[in-house]
Amino acid sequence: MSKSALTFVAITALLTVLAANPAPAGAASTPEQKCLARKLAATGKLVSTDLGCRSKAAGKGLTPDAVCLAKAEEKFNKAWGKAESKPGCPADPAQKGDVLDEVEAFEQALIVTLPDLNISSADTQRGGVLYDAWWKVNGAPTPSGTFPLYTTTFGTQTGSTTWRCKECHGWDYKGKDGAYASGSHYTGVQGLWNQVAGLTNREIFNAIKNPAPGGHDFSAQISDADILNLVRFLREGLLDMDVSINPTTKAAAGDATNGSALFAAGGGGACALCHGDDGKAIDFGGGEYVGTIANDNPWEGLHKIRWGQPGEPMPSAVSNGLSLDEQTDILTHAQTLPTS
């Protein structure tokens, strides 16, 4: 159906709202009839402009731009206000609200018929490191200040770390129900492990890109392509880390001997090429090494084993074809390495 046809269908449905108090029949146009005509024109402009935003985005397989939709409503408000400024057309906020509700219902009914976002060409591995620290991946400036949405949580962190996905949702993707259930990183925010299963790709995309309420408002910092990478990571890259890590003792559940062979320079992980046999060739800051992270925060360790380090040439075990058992073996060996 063409956009003009859809607009006609929408306006026809809206007549039941706008013509609830029809003007008296007669040959001459009364002020009330002119009022109705102007409001219909305003409504038509809203539907036409709104659908323009949505069709443009749909053609690219993306979600509508929030700014475009806001401008459409702004034009409607201006036209509606102009109509109500004329004689015989008193202000009627309830009627205006009903019209907006009808337009929203119509467009939502249309949206549910659209196919879900295609993420088959998105990069899961890149999504994994974006989840860690997106600005080290996409080259954006390090964010300053505290992430606005973070300020609505129980979190006590400040600065750029609050802009990281992991800061609220956790390295184990369980948020308040996982390793971040208490301690300095507690925020009270729900995790993603079970949450994303009930969402479409489009809904996940919207939650990352669009502003609050309901969104994180990353449209200015993260490109649509990278949001799709994050969507694919959240859809396909999450796992229940309790399978690999004891949530109480933090002990990894793998085979340290096999992990040692994989960790070696000539092993499948080849971790020692950069980190050294003892994991101390790279100091992550303040005397923190592979063994330190593996023991203190094994969930972070497993995430980085699987996806790599943002902004660094660290390989991804997932991309290199290592199984989850082998990844867990590497973590188990890493817990035997020096912590200082």
Protein backbone atom coordinates (compact mmCIF):
# COMPACT_ATOMS: atom_id res chain seq x y z
CA MET A 1 0.00 0.00 0.00
CA SER A 2 1.40 3.45 -0.90
CA LYS A 3 2.09 6.11 1.70
CA SER A 4 -0.77 8.24 0.37
CA ALA A 5 -3.16 5.29 0.66
CA LEU A 6 -2.02 4.63 4.21
CA THR A 7 -2.54 8.28 5.02
CA PHE A 8 -6.07 8.11 3.60
CA VAL A 9 -6.87 5.04 5.71
CA ALA A 10 -5.54 6.72 8.84
CA ILE A 11 -7.45 9.95 8.29
CA THR A 12 -10.65 8.03 7.55
CA ALA A 13 -10.29 6.25 10.90
CA LEU A 14 -9.65 9.56 12.64
CA LEU A 15 -12.91 11.06 11.36
CA THR A 16 -14.69 9.24 14.17
CA VAL A 17 -12.65 11.29 16.62
CA LEU A 18 -12.63 14.64 14.87
CA ALA A 19 -16.28 14.56 13.85
CA ALA A 20 -17.66 13.55 17.23
CA ASN A 21 -19.56 16.82 17.27
CA PRO A 22 -20.35 17.45 13.59
CA ALA A 23 -21.37 20.88 12.38
CA PRO A 24 -25.00 21.37 11.27
CA ALA A 25 -25.66 20.34 7.69
CA GLY A 26 -25.87 23.21 5.25
CA ALA A 27 -24.55 24.52 1.99
CA ALA A 28 -22.31 27.15 3.54
CA SER A 29 -19.11 26.24 5.36
CA THR A 30 -19.57 27.04 9.01
CA PRO A 31 -16.67 27.93 11.36
CA GLU A 32 -17.06 24.47 12.88
CA GLN A 33 -16.72 22.78 9.50
CA LYS A 34 -13.68 24.88 8.69
CA CYS A 35 -12.25 23.89 12.07
CA LEU A 36 -12.73 20.21 11.24
CA ALA A 37 -11.11 20.67 7.83
CA ARG A 38 -8.07 22.40 9.33
CA LYS A 39 -7.66 19.73 11.99
CA LEU A 40 -7.92 17.00 9.37
CA ALA A 41 -5.21 18.76 7.39
CA ALA A 42 -3.02 18.94 10.50
CA THR A 43 -3.61 15.24 11.16
CA GLY A 44 -2.84 14.34 7.57
CA LYS A 45 0.42 16.26 7.83
CA LEU A 46 1.34 14.36 10.99
CA VAL A 47 0.62 10.93 9.51
CA SER A 48 2.33 11.74 6.21
CA THR A 49 5.48 13.14 7.86
CA ASP A 50 5.58 10.37 10.47
CA LEU A 51 5.31 7.69 7.81
CA GLY A 52 8.04 9.44 5.86
CA CYS A 53 10.37 9.06 8.85
CA ARG A 54 9.42 5.42 9.25
CA SER A 55 9.62 4.48 5.57
CA LYS A 56 13.05 6.08 5.21
CA ALA A 57 14.36 4.09 8.17
CA ALA A 58 12.62 0.87 7.07
CA GLY A 59 14.30 1.13 3.66
CA LYS A 60 17.65 0.89 5.45
CA GLY A 61 16.49 -1.84 7.81
CA LEU A 62 16.72 0.54 10.77
CA THR A 63 14.37 2.15 13.27
CA PRO A 64 12.92 5.66 12.81
CA ASP A 65 15.06 8.60 13.82
CA ALA A 66 13.73 10.12 17.06
CA VAL A 67 14.54 13.66 15.87
CA CYS A 68 12.58 13.11 12.65
CA LEU A 69 9.55 11.87 14.61
CA ALA A 70 9.79 14.80 17.03
CA LYS A 71 9.80 17.27 14.13
CA ALA A 72 6.69 15.58 12.70
CA GLU A 73 4.83 16.07 15.97
CA GLU A 74 6.11 19.64 16.23
CA LYS A 75 4.62 20.44 12.79
CA PHE A 76 1.33 18.83 13.87
CA ASN A 77 1.22 20.88 17.08
CA LYS A 78 1.82 24.07 15.12
CA ALA A 79 -0.90 23.31 12.54
CA TRP A 80 -3.37 22.16 15.21
CA GLY A 81 -2.73 25.28 17.27
CA LYS A 82 -3.25 27.46 14.20
CA ALA A 83 -6.59 25.74 13.56
CA GLU A 84 -7.76 26.34 17.14
CA SER A 85 -6.78 30.00 16.91
CA LYS A 86 -9.57 30.60 14.39
CA PRO A 87 -13.17 31.56 15.30
CA GLY A 88 -15.48 28.66 16.01
CA CYS A 89 -12.60 26.34 16.84
CA PRO A 90 -12.08 26.34 20.61
CA ALA A 91 -9.09 24.59 22.16
CA ASP A 92 -9.85 20.95 22.87
CA PRO A 93 -6.86 19.18 24.50
CA ALA A 94 -8.82 15.95 24.96
CA GLN A 95 -9.64 15.77 21.25
CA LYS A 96 -6.01 16.44 20.35
CA GLY A 97 -4.90 13.69 22.70
CA ASP A 98 -7.38 11.27 21.13
CA VAL A 99 -6.04 12.09 17.66
CA LEU A 100 -2.44 11.47 18.74
CA ASP A 101 -3.48 8.18 20.34
CA GLU A 102 -5.24 7.09 17.15
CA VAL A 103 -2.22 7.97 15.01
CA GLU A 104 0.08 6.08 17.37
CA ALA A 105 -2.21 3.03 17.37
CA PHE A 106 -2.39 3.04 13.58
CA GLU A 107 1.37 3.30 13.15
CA GLN A 108 2.11 0.66 15.78
CA ALA A 109 -0.30 -1.69 13.99
CA LEU A 110 1.67 -1.02 10.81
CA ILE A 111 5.04 -1.51 12.51
CA VAL A 112 4.24 -4.98 13.82
CA THR A 113 3.78 -6.13 10.23
CA LEU A 114 7.36 -5.11 9.35
CA PRO A 115 10.08 -7.76 9.33
CA ASP A 116 12.52 -7.68 12.23
CA LEU A 117 15.94 -6.07 11.81
CA ASN A 118 18.37 -8.30 9.93
CA ILE A 119 21.57 -8.73 11.97
CA SER A 120 23.13 -11.51 9.88
CA SER A 121 25.87 -9.22 8.61
CA ALA A 122 26.58 -7.60 11.98
CA ASP A 123 29.87 -8.34 13.78
CA THR A 124 29.30 -10.21 17.06
CA GLN A 125 32.93 -9.90 18.15
CA ARG A 126 32.94 -6.13 17.65
CA GLY A 127 29.70 -5.99 19.61
CA GLY A 128 31.45 -7.80 22.46
CA VAL A 129 34.20 -5.20 22.77
CA LEU A 130 31.72 -2.35 22.29
CA TYR A 131 29.88 -3.73 25.33
CA ASP A 132 33.15 -3.37 27.25
CA ALA A 133 34.16 0.18 26.27
CA TRP A 134 32.60 1.39 23.02
CA TRP A 135 34.66 4.58 22.63
CA LYS A 136 37.90 2.56 22.52
CA VAL A 137 36.44 0.65 19.57
CA ASN A 138 34.72 3.31 17.46
CA GLY A 139 37.22 6.12 18.06
CA ALA A 140 34.73 8.42 19.78
CA PRO A 141 36.04 10.80 22.46
CA THR A 142 36.15 9.38 25.96
CA PRO A 143 32.82 10.44 27.47
CA SER A 144 32.97 13.07 30.19
CA GLY A 145 30.72 13.34 33.17
CA THR A 146 28.38 10.63 34.39
CA PHE A 147 26.04 8.80 32.01
CA PRO A 148 22.61 10.44 32.51
CA LEU A 149 20.73 7.14 32.78
CA TYR A 150 23.25 5.89 35.36
CA THR A 151 22.25 8.75 37.67
CA THR A 152 18.78 7.21 37.95
CA THR A 153 20.23 4.01 39.46
CA PHE A 154 21.68 3.19 42.88
CA GLY A 155 25.18 3.29 41.39
CA THR A 156 27.99 5.24 43.09
CA GLN A 157 30.52 5.31 40.25
CA THR A 158 31.28 8.51 38.33
CA GLY A 159 32.90 9.46 35.04
CA SER A 160 33.47 7.50 31.85
CA THR A 161 33.09 4.06 33.43
CA THR A 162 29.37 4.79 33.91
CA TRP A 163 28.98 4.89 30.09
CA ARG A 164 30.06 1.25 29.75
CA CYS A 165 27.34 -1.35 29.20
CA LYS A 166 29.04 -3.68 31.66
CA GLU A 167 28.86 -1.08 34.45
CA CYS A 168 25.13 -1.62 34.91
CA HIS A 169 24.52 -5.00 33.27
CA GLY A 170 27.67 -6.73 34.53
CA TRP A 171 30.43 -8.84 33.04
CA ASP A 172 28.19 -11.85 33.60
CA TYR A 173 25.25 -10.03 31.93
CA LYS A 174 23.07 -10.53 35.03
CA GLY A 175 23.14 -7.05 36.53
CA LYS A 176 21.67 -6.90 40.02
CA ASP A 177 21.13 -10.67 40.02
CA GLY A 178 24.76 -11.60 39.33
CA ALA A 179 28.22 -10.60 40.50
CA TYR A 180 27.05 -6.98 40.80
CA ALA A 181 24.33 -7.90 43.30
CA SER A 182 26.39 -6.03 45.90
CA GLY A 183 29.59 -4.06 46.20
CA SER A 184 30.91 -0.89 44.59
CA HIS A 185 29.40 -1.73 41.19
CA TYR A 186 25.87 -2.37 42.43
CA THR A 187 23.26 -0.33 40.52
CA GLY A 188 20.03 -2.27 40.98
CA VAL A 189 19.75 -2.53 37.18
CA GLN A 190 18.39 -5.68 35.58
CA GLY A 191 20.73 -7.90 33.63
CA LEU A 192 20.48 -8.82 29.97
CA TRP A 193 20.99 -12.58 30.05
CA ASN A 194 17.27 -13.39 30.28
CA GLN A 195 15.84 -10.03 29.27
CA VAL A 196 16.87 -9.95 25.60
CA ALA A 197 15.28 -13.33 24.90
CA GLY A 198 11.85 -11.72 25.01
CA LEU A 199 12.74 -8.78 22.75
CA THR A 200 12.94 -8.41 18.99
CA ASN A 201 16.11 -7.14 17.35
CA ARG A 202 14.27 -3.91 16.61
CA GLU A 203 13.31 -3.46 20.26
CA ILE A 204 16.90 -4.01 21.40
CA PHE A 205 18.13 -1.53 18.76
CA ASN A 206 15.58 1.05 19.95
CA ALA A 207 16.55 0.56 23.59
CA ILE A 208 20.17 1.38 22.78
CA LYS A 209 19.59 4.24 20.35
CA ASN A 210 16.46 6.07 21.44
CA PRO A 211 16.18 8.52 24.35
CA ALA A 212 14.51 7.86 27.68
CA PRO A 213 12.02 6.73 28.69
CA GLY A 214 12.76 3.27 27.44
CA GLY A 215 16.06 4.04 25.76
CA HIS A 216 19.73 4.79 26.47
CA ASP A 217 20.08 7.62 23.90
CA PHE A 218 23.36 6.52 22.32
CA SER A 219 22.42 7.94 18.90
CA ALA A 220 25.10 10.65 19.08
CA GLN A 221 27.90 8.35 20.28
CA ILE A 222 27.38 5.01 18.52
CA SER A 223 26.60 4.57 14.82
CA ASP A 224 23.62 2.55 13.64
CA ALA A 225 26.03 -0.07 12.27
CA ASP A 226 27.70 -0.48 15.66
CA ILE A 227 24.34 -0.58 17.43
CA LEU A 228 23.49 -3.50 15.14
CA ASN A 229 26.81 -5.11 16.18
CA LEU A 230 25.76 -4.70 19.81
CA VAL A 231 22.34 -6.17 19.03
CA ARG A 232 23.91 -9.27 17.49
CA PHE A 233 26.28 -9.64 20.46
CA LEU A 234 23.37 -9.39 22.88
CA ARG A 235 21.35 -11.81 20.79
CA GLU A 236 24.06 -14.43 20.16
CA GLY A 237 27.07 -13.68 22.36
CA LEU A 238 25.68 -13.85 25.88
CA LEU A 239 25.93 -16.98 27.98
CA ASP A 240 25.21 -18.16 31.50
CA MET A 241 28.64 -17.81 33.08
CA ASP A 242 27.61 -20.00 36.02
CA VAL A 243 28.45 -22.90 33.69
CA SER A 244 32.10 -21.80 33.68
CA ILE A 245 32.50 -19.95 36.99
CA ASN A 246 31.27 -20.82 40.46
CA PRO A 247 29.29 -17.69 41.44
CA THR A 248 30.18 -18.11 45.13
CA THR A 249 33.86 -19.12 45.11
CA LYS A 250 34.79 -17.52 41.75
CA ALA A 251 36.61 -20.73 40.83
CA ALA A 252 36.68 -21.53 37.11
CA ALA A 253 35.36 -24.99 36.25
CA GLY A 254 37.81 -25.97 33.52
CA ASP A 255 40.91 -28.08 33.03
CA ALA A 256 43.98 -26.07 34.03
CA THR A 257 46.38 -28.46 32.27
CA ASN A 258 44.63 -28.08 28.93
CA GLY A 259 44.30 -24.37 29.65
CA SER A 260 48.06 -24.10 30.10
CA ALA A 261 48.64 -25.67 26.68
CA LEU A 262 46.11 -23.31 25.08
CA PHE A 263 47.62 -20.29 26.89
CA ALA A 264 51.14 -21.06 25.65
CA ALA A 265 52.66 -19.12 22.75
CA GLY A 266 52.10 -22.05 20.42
CA GLY A 267 48.69 -22.97 21.79
CA GLY A 268 45.24 -22.30 20.39
CA GLY A 269 44.88 -19.17 22.48
CA ALA A 270 48.49 -18.04 22.08
CA CYS A 271 47.96 -15.76 25.09
CA ALA A 272 51.61 -16.00 26.20
CA LEU A 273 52.80 -14.29 23.04
CA CYS A 274 51.76 -10.97 24.59
CA HIS A 275 51.13 -11.72 28.25
CA GLY A 276 54.15 -13.98 28.86
CA ASP A 277 54.12 -17.45 30.32
CA ASP A 278 53.38 -16.07 33.79
CA GLY A 279 50.80 -13.55 32.56
CA LYS A 280 52.83 -10.60 33.85
CA ALA A 281 54.31 -9.18 30.65
CA ILE A 282 51.51 -6.59 30.53
CA ASP A 283 50.61 -4.54 33.59
CA PHE A 284 47.00 -3.35 33.15
CA GLY A 285 47.60 -0.66 35.75
CA GLY A 286 48.52 -0.60 39.41
CA GLY A 287 50.11 -4.05 39.36
CA GLU A 288 47.15 -5.81 37.78
CA TYR A 289 47.93 -8.80 35.57
CA VAL A 290 46.18 -11.74 33.91
CA GLY A 291 46.23 -13.68 37.17
CA THR A 292 44.85 -10.72 39.09
CA ILE A 293 41.79 -10.34 36.90
CA ALA A 294 41.25 -14.10 36.56
CA ASN A 295 41.00 -14.43 40.34
CA ASP A 296 39.44 -11.14 41.40
CA ASN A 297 36.94 -10.80 38.55
CA PRO A 298 36.79 -14.04 36.55
CA TRP A 299 33.63 -12.87 34.74
CA GLU A 300 35.61 -9.99 33.23
CA GLY A 301 38.41 -12.42 32.44
CA LEU A 302 36.10 -14.79 30.58
CA HIS A 303 34.42 -11.95 28.67
CA LYS A 304 37.80 -10.68 27.47
CA ILE A 305 39.02 -14.19 26.61
CA ARG A 306 35.93 -14.62 24.47
CA TRP A 307 35.83 -11.21 22.76
CA GLY A 308 39.15 -9.44 23.23
CA GLN A 309 40.30 -6.12 24.69
CA PRO A 310 38.80 -2.87 23.29
CA GLY A 311 41.29 -0.90 21.24
CA GLU A 312 43.97 -3.59 21.45
CA PRO A 313 44.95 -6.40 19.05
CA MET A 314 43.96 -9.09 21.56
CA PRO A 315 42.34 -11.95 19.60
CA SER A 316 38.87 -13.26 20.30
CA ALA A 317 38.70 -16.91 21.33
CA VAL A 318 35.20 -17.11 19.87
CA SER A 319 36.35 -15.73 16.51
CA ASN A 320 39.29 -18.12 16.55
CA GLY A 321 36.99 -21.11 16.96
CA LEU A 322 37.78 -22.11 20.54
CA SER A 323 34.91 -23.83 22.30
CA LEU A 324 33.44 -22.59 25.57
CA ASP A 325 35.14 -25.53 27.32
CA GLU A 326 38.50 -24.41 25.93
CA GLN A 327 37.83 -20.80 26.90
CA THR A 328 37.00 -21.95 30.42
CA ASP A 329 40.20 -24.02 30.49
CA ILE A 330 42.23 -20.90 29.69
CA LEU A 331 40.53 -19.01 32.52
CA THR A 332 41.14 -21.92 34.89
CA HIS A 333 44.85 -21.88 34.06
CA ALA A 334 44.93 -18.09 34.39
CA GLN A 335 43.73 -18.46 37.99
CA THR A 336 46.96 -20.36 38.75
CA LEU A 337 49.14 -17.44 37.57
CA PRO A 338 50.70 -14.78 39.87
CA THR A 339 48.32 -12.05 41.04
CA SER A 340 51.04 -9.51 41.82
